[in-house]
């Protein structure tokens, strides 16, 4: 039984641009394949200018190798393997749980030039389908804004508004708008679950994010059942030759992995 207010707004995302969250978002950029190739190319130009020709050629060759390797089908294969760590379960076969927990990263904020929020993935729709199939009595939406946005609510708020537009009762939706990464998702969600004496959840996030999210929630002591959504790599019939062609898309997938 949900004895909370119609919609519980836990908090708006807070924080400063210079905190550790910002650092954690910037650090991986240094090690993305494209950026590594860029550093190597810059080094090659510098070495060439100062007449270290052999070192310049080596640096250029390494940059080329990085670009070819990580834009190849190898990236696609690794992405597919990671994304299929947890396969989808038909809604009718999904177990029941005390709550459906939806992680942020699915809804675009109404920032200029947008007028309204927009859906960028499948998490909210998956939560809607589970709820209408009576797999839980309410939905917890966890996700604030990574960086503060003036005059804009948390992503969790806009997700709740979309669910209500689809017919989900207001009293069935709980918002947690303080968290800014997966670890904070788990910590803040645990507080809400403890207050409502819920011991089992259906965890919704993208298939690619699920392995890390599930491990984080379980480490926090939450009995989470994976309910992934949003698979990017599907068995779409096309000439096999296209799968073996290097592409910028494959390079982007490697960065995501």
C-alpha atoms as a PDB file:
ATOM      1  CA  UNK A   1       0.000   0.000   0.000  1.00  0.00           C
ATOM      2  CA  UNK A   2       1.378   3.369  -0.966  1.00  0.00           C
ATOM      3  CA  UNK A   3       0.871   5.893   1.811  1.00  0.00           C
ATOM      4  CA  UNK A   4       3.075   8.557   0.240  1.00  0.00           C
ATOM      5  CA  UNK A   5       1.774  11.834  -1.209  1.00  0.00           C
ATOM      6  CA  UNK A   6       0.486  11.818  -4.754  1.00  0.00           C
ATOM      7  CA  UNK A   7       3.943  12.425  -6.147  1.00  0.00           C
ATOM      8  CA  UNK A   8       6.967  12.534  -3.878  1.00  0.00           C
ATOM      9  CA  UNK A   9       9.595  14.943  -5.159  1.00  0.00           C
ATOM     10  CA  UNK A  10      12.663  13.871  -3.243  1.00  0.00           C
ATOM     11  CA  UNK A  11      14.946  16.692  -4.324  1.00  0.00           C
ATOM     12  CA  UNK A  12      16.142  18.640  -7.299  1.00  0.00           C
ATOM     13  CA  UNK A  13      19.593  17.769  -8.628  1.00  0.00           C
ATOM     14  CA  UNK A  14      22.201  19.874  -6.898  1.00  0.00           C
ATOM     15  CA  UNK A  15      25.951  20.306  -7.036  1.00  0.00           C
ATOM     16  CA  UNK A  16      28.719  22.453  -8.366  1.00  0.00           C
ATOM     17  CA  UNK A  17      30.355  22.217 -11.736  1.00  0.00           C
ATOM     18  CA  UNK A  18      33.746  21.716 -10.127  1.00  0.00           C
ATOM     19  CA  UNK A  19      32.907  18.738  -7.906  1.00  0.00           C
ATOM     20  CA  UNK A  20      33.957  15.106  -8.249  1.00  0.00           C
ATOM     21  CA  UNK A  21      30.938  14.261 -10.430  1.00  0.00           C
ATOM     22  CA  UNK A  22      32.271  16.648 -13.060  1.00  0.00           C
ATOM     23  CA  UNK A  23      35.721  15.097 -12.765  1.00  0.00           C
ATOM     24  CA  UNK A  24      34.256  11.594 -13.125  1.00  0.00           C
ATOM     25  CA  UNK A  25      32.546  12.680 -16.345  1.00  0.00           C
ATOM     26  CA  UNK A  26      35.660  14.337 -17.777  1.00  0.00           C
ATOM     27  CA  UNK A  27      38.266  11.694 -16.933  1.00  0.00           C
ATOM     28  CA  UNK A  28      36.936   8.948 -19.251  1.00  0.00           C
ATOM     29  CA  UNK A  29      37.074  11.413 -22.151  1.00  0.00           C
ATOM     30  CA  UNK A  30      40.862  11.225 -22.027  1.00  0.00           C
ATOM     31  CA  UNK A  31      40.830   7.483 -22.651  1.00  0.00           C
ATOM     32  CA  UNK A  32      38.197   7.254 -25.378  1.00  0.00           C
ATOM     33  CA  UNK A  33      39.675   5.677 -28.548  1.00  0.00           C
ATOM     34  CA  UNK A  34      39.059   8.745 -30.698  1.00  0.00           C
ATOM     35  CA  UNK A  35      40.736  11.022 -28.154  1.00  0.00           C
ATOM     36  CA  UNK A  36      43.706   8.658 -27.805  1.00  0.00           C
ATOM     37  CA  UNK A  37      44.120   8.777 -31.578  1.00  0.00           C
ATOM     38  CA  UNK A  38      43.885  12.574 -31.456  1.00  0.00           C
ATOM     39  CA  UNK A  39      46.605  12.829 -28.776  1.00  0.00           C
ATOM     40  CA  UNK A  40      48.825  10.526 -30.840  1.00  0.00           C
ATOM     41  CA  UNK A  41      48.279  12.612 -33.983  1.00  0.00           C
ATOM     42  CA  UNK A  42      49.097  15.805 -32.083  1.00  0.00           C
ATOM     43  CA  UNK A  43      52.232  14.134 -30.747  1.00  0.00           C
ATOM     44  CA  UNK A  44      53.165  13.034 -34.265  1.00  0.00           C
ATOM     45  CA  UNK A  45      52.881  16.598 -35.591  1.00  0.00           C
ATOM     46  CA  UNK A  46      54.920  17.960 -32.680  1.00  0.00           C
ATOM     47  CA  UNK A  47      57.620  15.325 -33.099  1.00  0.00           C
ATOM     48  CA  UNK A  48      57.776  15.973 -36.834  1.00  0.00           C
ATOM     49  CA  UNK A  49      58.221  19.709 -36.284  1.00  0.00           C
ATOM     50  CA  UNK A  50      61.105  19.159 -33.857  1.00  0.00           C
ATOM     51  CA  UNK A  51      62.645  16.714 -36.351  1.00  0.00           C
ATOM     52  CA  UNK A  52      62.100  13.467 -34.469  1.00  0.00           C
ATOM     53  CA  UNK A  53      60.928  11.851 -37.692  1.00  0.00           C
ATOM     54  CA  UNK A  54      61.074   8.218 -36.560  1.00  0.00           C
ATOM     55  CA  UNK A  55      59.092   8.917 -33.389  1.00  0.00           C
ATOM     56  CA  UNK A  56      56.602  10.976 -35.417  1.00  0.00           C
ATOM     57  CA  UNK A  57      56.023   8.087 -37.834  1.00  0.00           C
ATOM     58  CA  UNK A  58      55.556   5.689 -34.921  1.00  0.00           C
ATOM     59  CA  UNK A  59      53.036   7.986 -33.228  1.00  0.00           C
ATOM     60  CA  UNK A  60      51.130   8.481 -36.485  1.00  0.00           C
ATOM     61  CA  UNK A  61      51.082   4.725 -37.091  1.00  0.00           C
ATOM     62  CA  UNK A  62      49.713   4.069 -33.608  1.00  0.00           C
ATOM     63  CA  UNK A  63      46.976   6.666 -34.131  1.00  0.00           C
ATOM     64  CA  UNK A  64      45.999   5.019 -37.410  1.00  0.00           C
ATOM     65  CA  UNK A  65      45.976   1.590 -35.760  1.00  0.00           C
ATOM     66  CA  UNK A  66      43.730   2.815 -32.931  1.00  0.00           C
ATOM     67  CA  UNK A  67      41.235   4.311 -35.389  1.00  0.00           C
ATOM     68  CA  UNK A  68      41.144   1.208 -37.592  1.00  0.00           C
ATOM     69  CA  UNK A  69      40.920  -1.230 -34.683  1.00  0.00           C
ATOM     70  CA  UNK A  70      38.201   0.527 -32.726  1.00  0.00           C
ATOM     71  CA  UNK A  71      36.080   1.430 -35.752  1.00  0.00           C
ATOM     72  CA  UNK A  72      36.156  -2.198 -36.890  1.00  0.00           C
ATOM     73  CA  UNK A  73      33.526  -4.926 -36.286  1.00  0.00           C
ATOM     74  CA  UNK A  74      35.435  -5.787 -33.083  1.00  0.00           C
ATOM     75  CA  UNK A  75      33.747  -2.819 -31.394  1.00  0.00           C
ATOM     76  CA  UNK A  76      30.348  -3.985 -32.588  1.00  0.00           C
ATOM     77  CA  UNK A  77      30.993  -7.499 -31.255  1.00  0.00           C
ATOM     78  CA  UNK A  78      32.112  -6.234 -27.837  1.00  0.00           C
ATOM     79  CA  UNK A  79      29.129  -3.887 -27.631  1.00  0.00           C
ATOM     80  CA  UNK A  80      26.740  -6.708 -28.521  1.00  0.00           C
ATOM     81  CA  UNK A  81      28.292  -9.045 -25.957  1.00  0.00           C
ATOM     82  CA  UNK A  82      28.047  -6.438 -23.200  1.00  0.00           C
ATOM     83  CA  UNK A  83      24.507  -5.441 -24.119  1.00  0.00           C
ATOM     84  CA  UNK A  84      23.300  -9.040 -24.016  1.00  0.00           C
ATOM     85  CA  UNK A  85      24.647  -9.776 -20.536  1.00  0.00           C
ATOM     86  CA  UNK A  86      21.000  -9.695 -19.435  1.00  0.00           C
ATOM     87  CA  UNK A  87      18.418 -10.633 -22.022  1.00  0.00           C
ATOM     88  CA  UNK A  88      14.865  -9.259 -22.022  1.00  0.00           C
ATOM     89  CA  UNK A  89      12.000 -11.144 -20.432  1.00  0.00           C
ATOM     90  CA  UNK A  90       8.468 -10.987 -21.866  1.00  0.00           C
ATOM     91  CA  UNK A  91       6.274  -8.733 -19.752  1.00  0.00           C
ATOM     92  CA  UNK A  92       3.893 -11.599 -18.983  1.00  0.00           C
ATOM     93  CA  UNK A  93       6.766 -13.709 -17.623  1.00  0.00           C
ATOM     94  CA  UNK A  94       8.350 -10.949 -15.575  1.00  0.00           C
ATOM     95  CA  UNK A  95       8.165 -11.533 -11.796  1.00  0.00           C
ATOM     96  CA  UNK A  96       6.271  -9.199  -9.475  1.00  0.00           C
ATOM     97  CA  UNK A  97       8.180  -6.883  -7.157  1.00  0.00           C
ATOM     98  CA  UNK A  98       7.577  -4.253  -4.515  1.00  0.00           C
ATOM     99  CA  UNK A  99       8.542  -1.470  -6.899  1.00  0.00           C
ATOM    100  CA  UNK A 100       9.604  -0.757 -10.449  1.00  0.00           C
ATOM    101  CA  UNK A 101      12.748   1.402 -10.361  1.00  0.00           C
ATOM    102  CA  UNK A 102      13.540   3.395 -13.491  1.00  0.00           C
ATOM    103  CA  UNK A 103      16.979   4.962 -13.799  1.00  0.00           C
ATOM    104  CA  UNK A 104      17.484   8.291 -15.532  1.00  0.00           C
ATOM    105  CA  UNK A 105      19.142   8.769 -18.894  1.00  0.00           C
ATOM    106  CA  UNK A 106      16.041   8.276 -21.006  1.00  0.00           C
ATOM    107  CA  UNK A 107      14.328  11.673 -21.128  1.00  0.00           C
ATOM    108  CA  UNK A 108      15.608  14.843 -22.769  1.00  0.00           C
ATOM    109  CA  UNK A 109      15.087  17.970 -20.656  1.00  0.00           C
ATOM    110  CA  UNK A 110      13.049  20.878 -22.080  1.00  0.00           C
ATOM    111  CA  UNK A 111      16.107  23.016 -22.771  1.00  0.00           C
ATOM    112  CA  UNK A 112      16.259  25.578 -25.595  1.00  0.00           C
ATOM    113  CA  UNK A 113      15.195  25.163 -28.361  1.00  0.00           C
ATOM    114  CA  UNK A 114      12.935  22.391 -27.006  1.00  0.00           C
ATOM    115  CA  UNK A 115       9.556  23.402 -25.645  1.00  0.00           C
ATOM    116  CA  UNK A 116       8.760  20.079 -23.990  1.00  0.00           C
ATOM    117  CA  UNK A 117      10.713  17.123 -22.678  1.00  0.00           C
ATOM    118  CA  UNK A 118      11.332  14.326 -25.150  1.00  0.00           C
ATOM    119  CA  UNK A 119      11.834  10.571 -25.003  1.00  0.00           C
ATOM    120  CA  UNK A 120      15.229   9.299 -26.093  1.00  0.00           C
ATOM    121  CA  UNK A 121      15.003   5.643 -25.080  1.00  0.00           C
ATOM    122  CA  UNK A 122      12.736   2.841 -23.956  1.00  0.00           C
ATOM    123  CA  UNK A 123      12.938   2.911 -20.143  1.00  0.00           C
ATOM    124  CA  UNK A 124       9.775   4.885 -19.432  1.00  0.00           C
ATOM    125  CA  UNK A 125       7.762   2.802 -21.905  1.00  0.00           C
ATOM    126  CA  UNK A 126       9.072  -0.418 -20.376  1.00  0.00           C
ATOM    127  CA  UNK A 127       8.059   0.774 -16.904  1.00  0.00           C
ATOM    128  CA  UNK A 128       4.605   1.657 -18.227  1.00  0.00           C
ATOM    129  CA  UNK A 129       4.160  -1.818 -19.689  1.00  0.00           C
ATOM    130  CA  UNK A 130       5.266  -3.533 -16.466  1.00  0.00           C
ATOM    131  CA  UNK A 131       2.964  -1.373 -14.367  1.00  0.00           C
ATOM    132  CA  UNK A 132      -0.079  -1.946 -16.570  1.00  0.00           C
ATOM    133  CA  UNK A 133       0.669  -5.677 -16.399  1.00  0.00           C
ATOM    134  CA  UNK A 134       0.350  -5.406 -12.577  1.00  0.00           C
ATOM    135  CA  UNK A 135       3.985  -6.315 -11.927  1.00  0.00           C
ATOM    136  CA  UNK A 136       4.141  -3.696  -9.172  1.00  0.00           C
ATOM    137  CA  UNK A 137       1.898  -1.167  -7.461  1.00  0.00           C
ATOM    138  CA  UNK A 138       4.138   1.807  -7.994  1.00  0.00           C
ATOM    139  CA  UNK A 139       7.127   3.199  -9.843  1.00  0.00           C
ATOM    140  CA  UNK A 140      10.207   4.905  -8.436  1.00  0.00           C
ATOM    141  CA  UNK A 141      12.011   7.164 -10.899  1.00  0.00           C
ATOM    142  CA  UNK A 142      15.610   7.858  -9.932  1.00  0.00           C
ATOM    143  CA  UNK A 143      17.622  10.529 -11.695  1.00  0.00           C
ATOM    144  CA  UNK A 144      18.504  14.165 -11.189  1.00  0.00           C
ATOM    145  CA  UNK A 145      20.390  16.436 -13.549  1.00  0.00           C
ATOM    146  CA  UNK A 146      24.124  15.732 -13.678  1.00  0.00           C
ATOM    147  CA  UNK A 147      24.770  19.471 -13.873  1.00  0.00           C
ATOM    148  CA  UNK A 148      22.390  22.111 -12.455  1.00  0.00           C
ATOM    149  CA  UNK A 149      20.013  23.632 -15.002  1.00  0.00           C
ATOM    150  CA  UNK A 150      18.375  26.933 -14.156  1.00  0.00           C
ATOM    151  CA  UNK A 151      14.595  26.850 -14.294  1.00  0.00           C
ATOM    152  CA  UNK A 152      14.483  23.142 -15.132  1.00  0.00           C
ATOM    153  CA  UNK A 153      13.286  20.283 -12.932  1.00  0.00           C
ATOM    154  CA  UNK A 154      15.050  16.942 -12.563  1.00  0.00           C
ATOM    155  CA  UNK A 155      14.842  14.336 -15.288  1.00  0.00           C
ATOM    156  CA  UNK A 156      12.861  12.146 -12.877  1.00  0.00           C
ATOM    157  CA  UNK A 157      10.169  14.830 -12.708  1.00  0.00           C
ATOM    158  CA  UNK A 158       9.698  14.942 -16.483  1.00  0.00           C
ATOM    159  CA  UNK A 159       9.660  11.149 -16.668  1.00  0.00           C
ATOM    160  CA  UNK A 160       6.856  11.099 -14.095  1.00  0.00           C
ATOM    161  CA  UNK A 161       4.897  13.662 -16.107  1.00  0.00           C
ATOM    162  CA  UNK A 162       5.130  11.484 -19.217  1.00  0.00           C
ATOM    163  CA  UNK A 163       3.972   8.406 -17.297  1.00  0.00           C
ATOM    164  CA  UNK A 164       1.006  10.349 -15.949  1.00  0.00           C
ATOM    165  CA  UNK A 165       0.144  11.485 -19.485  1.00  0.00           C
ATOM    166  CA  UNK A 166      -0.012   7.792 -20.376  1.00  0.00           C
ATOM    167  CA  UNK A 167      -2.465   7.130 -17.564  1.00  0.00           C
ATOM    168  CA  UNK A 168      -0.277   6.045 -14.645  1.00  0.00           C
ATOM    169  CA  UNK A 169      -1.957   7.314 -11.414  1.00  0.00           C
ATOM    170  CA  UNK A 170      -0.095  10.110  -9.640  1.00  0.00           C
ATOM    171  CA  UNK A 171      -0.197   8.216  -6.353  1.00  0.00           C
ATOM    172  CA  UNK A 172       1.727   5.351  -7.948  1.00  0.00           C
ATOM    173  CA  UNK A 173       4.744   7.487  -8.883  1.00  0.00           C
ATOM    174  CA  UNK A 174       7.631   8.386  -6.573  1.00  0.00           C
ATOM    175  CA  UNK A 175      10.365  10.769  -7.732  1.00  0.00           C
ATOM    176  CA  UNK A 176      13.995  10.739  -6.603  1.00  0.00           C
ATOM    177  CA  UNK A 177      15.597  13.732  -8.267  1.00  0.00           C
ATOM    178  CA  UNK A 178      18.795  14.123  -6.287  1.00  0.00           C
ATOM    179  CA  UNK A 179      21.104  11.451  -7.721  1.00  0.00           C
ATOM    180  CA  UNK A 180      23.558  12.252 -10.510  1.00  0.00           C
ATOM    181  CA  UNK A 181      25.204   8.904 -11.206  1.00  0.00           C
ATOM    182  CA  UNK A 182      24.518   5.194 -10.794  1.00  0.00           C
ATOM    183  CA  UNK A 183      26.018   4.985  -7.307  1.00  0.00           C
ATOM    184  CA  UNK A 184      23.808   7.818  -6.080  1.00  0.00           C
ATOM    185  CA  UNK A 185      20.819   6.218  -7.833  1.00  0.00           C
ATOM    186  CA  UNK A 186      21.308   3.172  -5.624  1.00  0.00           C
ATOM    187  CA  UNK A 187      21.923   5.080  -2.377  1.00  0.00           C
ATOM    188  CA  UNK A 188      18.946   7.419  -2.746  1.00  0.00           C
ATOM    189  CA  UNK A 189      16.625   4.680  -3.973  1.00  0.00           C
ATOM    190  CA  UNK A 190      17.544   2.520  -0.978  1.00  0.00           C
ATOM    191  CA  UNK A 191      16.313   5.280   1.346  1.00  0.00           C
ATOM    192  CA  UNK A 192      12.938   5.333  -0.399  1.00  0.00           C
ATOM    193  CA  UNK A 193      12.654   1.543  -0.344  1.00  0.00           C
ATOM    194  CA  UNK A 194      13.512   1.371   3.351  1.00  0.00           C
ATOM    195  CA  UNK A 195      10.895   3.999   4.193  1.00  0.00           C
ATOM    196  CA  UNK A 196       8.265   1.916   2.392  1.00  0.00           C
ATOM    197  CA  UNK A 197       9.538  -1.476   3.625  1.00  0.00           C
ATOM    198  CA  UNK A 198      10.150  -2.741   0.106  1.00  0.00           C
ATOM    199  CA  UNK A 199      12.717  -5.510  -0.246  1.00  0.00           C
ATOM    200  CA  UNK A 200      12.589  -6.390  -3.957  1.00  0.00           C
ATOM    201  CA  UNK A 201      12.546  -4.291  -7.115  1.00  0.00           C
ATOM    202  CA  UNK A 202      12.439  -4.598 -10.868  1.00  0.00           C
ATOM    203  CA  UNK A 203      15.380  -2.512 -12.083  1.00  0.00           C
ATOM    204  CA  UNK A 204      14.963  -0.767 -15.428  1.00  0.00           C
ATOM    205  CA  UNK A 205      17.826   0.771 -17.361  1.00  0.00           C
ATOM    206  CA  UNK A 206      19.325   0.327 -20.815  1.00  0.00           C
ATOM    207  CA  UNK A 207      20.667  -3.113 -21.660  1.00  0.00           C
ATOM    208  CA  UNK A 208      24.169  -1.675 -22.008  1.00  0.00           C
ATOM    209  CA  UNK A 209      24.028  -0.014 -18.588  1.00  0.00           C
ATOM    210  CA  UNK A 210      22.398  -2.959 -16.796  1.00  0.00           C
ATOM    211  CA  UNK A 211      25.545  -4.934 -15.767  1.00  0.00           C
ATOM    212  CA  UNK A 212      27.026  -1.937 -13.954  1.00  0.00           C
ATOM    213  CA  UNK A 213      23.706  -0.726 -12.563  1.00  0.00           C
ATOM    214  CA  UNK A 214      22.707  -4.143 -11.244  1.00  0.00           C
ATOM    215  CA  UNK A 215      26.095  -4.661  -9.575  1.00  0.00           C
ATOM    216  CA  UNK A 216      25.863  -1.211  -7.971  1.00  0.00           C
ATOM    217  CA  UNK A 217      22.342  -1.773  -6.604  1.00  0.00           C
ATOM    218  CA  UNK A 218      23.163  -5.222  -5.259  1.00  0.00           C
ATOM    219  CA  UNK A 219      26.335  -3.920  -3.621  1.00  0.00           C
ATOM    220  CA  UNK A 220      24.139  -1.307  -1.916  1.00  0.00           C
ATOM    221  CA  UNK A 221      22.087  -4.165  -0.463  1.00  0.00           C
ATOM    222  CA  UNK A 222      19.078  -3.925  -2.774  1.00  0.00           C
ATOM    223  CA  UNK A 223      17.452  -7.113  -4.059  1.00  0.00           C
ATOM    224  CA  UNK A 224      17.192  -6.044  -7.686  1.00  0.00           C
ATOM    225  CA  UNK A 225      15.815  -8.103 -10.561  1.00  0.00           C
ATOM    226  CA  UNK A 226      17.189  -6.965 -13.945  1.00  0.00           C
ATOM    227  CA  UNK A 227      14.560  -5.791 -16.399  1.00  0.00           C
ATOM    228  CA  UNK A 228      16.640  -4.291 -19.229  1.00  0.00           C
ATOM    229  CA  UNK A 229      15.275  -2.206 -22.069  1.00  0.00           C
ATOM    230  CA  UNK A 230      16.627  -0.383 -25.080  1.00  0.00           C
ATOM    231  CA  UNK A 231      18.743  -2.840 -27.092  1.00  0.00           C
ATOM    232  CA  UNK A 232      20.775  -1.098 -29.795  1.00  0.00           C
ATOM    233  CA  UNK A 233      22.181  -4.152 -31.606  1.00  0.00           C
ATOM    234  CA  UNK A 234      19.499  -6.328 -33.149  1.00  0.00           C
ATOM    235  CA  UNK A 235      19.435  -9.067 -35.777  1.00  0.00           C
ATOM    236  CA  UNK A 236      18.661  -6.775 -38.682  1.00  0.00           C
ATOM    237  CA  UNK A 237      19.086  -8.576 -41.993  1.00  0.00           C
ATOM    238  CA  UNK A 238      21.540  -6.848 -44.347  1.00  0.00           C
ATOM    239  CA  UNK A 239      24.582  -7.778 -46.491  1.00  0.00           C
ATOM    240  CA  UNK A 240      27.310  -9.180 -44.219  1.00  0.00           C
ATOM    241  CA  UNK A 241      29.913  -7.084 -46.016  1.00  0.00           C
ATOM    242  CA  UNK A 242      28.489  -3.990 -44.284  1.00  0.00           C
ATOM    243  CA  UNK A 243      29.226  -5.512 -40.870  1.00  0.00           C
ATOM    244  CA  UNK A 244      32.920  -5.725 -41.735  1.00  0.00           C
ATOM    245  CA  UNK A 245      33.295  -2.104 -42.834  1.00  0.00           C
ATOM    246  CA  UNK A 246      35.002   0.270 -40.351  1.00  0.00           C
ATOM    247  CA  UNK A 247      32.676   3.080 -39.300  1.00  0.00           C
ATOM    248  CA  UNK A 248      32.361   6.032 -36.959  1.00  0.00           C
ATOM    249  CA  UNK A 249      29.342   4.266 -35.473  1.00  0.00           C
ATOM    250  CA  UNK A 250      31.538   1.381 -34.352  1.00  0.00           C
ATOM    251  CA  UNK A 251      34.018   3.855 -32.872  1.00  0.00           C
ATOM    252  CA  UNK A 252      31.212   5.425 -30.844  1.00  0.00           C
ATOM    253  CA  UNK A 253      30.041   2.017 -29.626  1.00  0.00           C
ATOM    254  CA  UNK A 254      33.517   1.204 -28.365  1.00  0.00           C
ATOM    255  CA  UNK A 255      33.523   4.419 -26.381  1.00  0.00           C
ATOM    256  CA  UNK A 256      30.173   3.472 -24.856  1.00  0.00           C
ATOM    257  CA  UNK A 257      31.485   0.055 -23.803  1.00  0.00           C
END
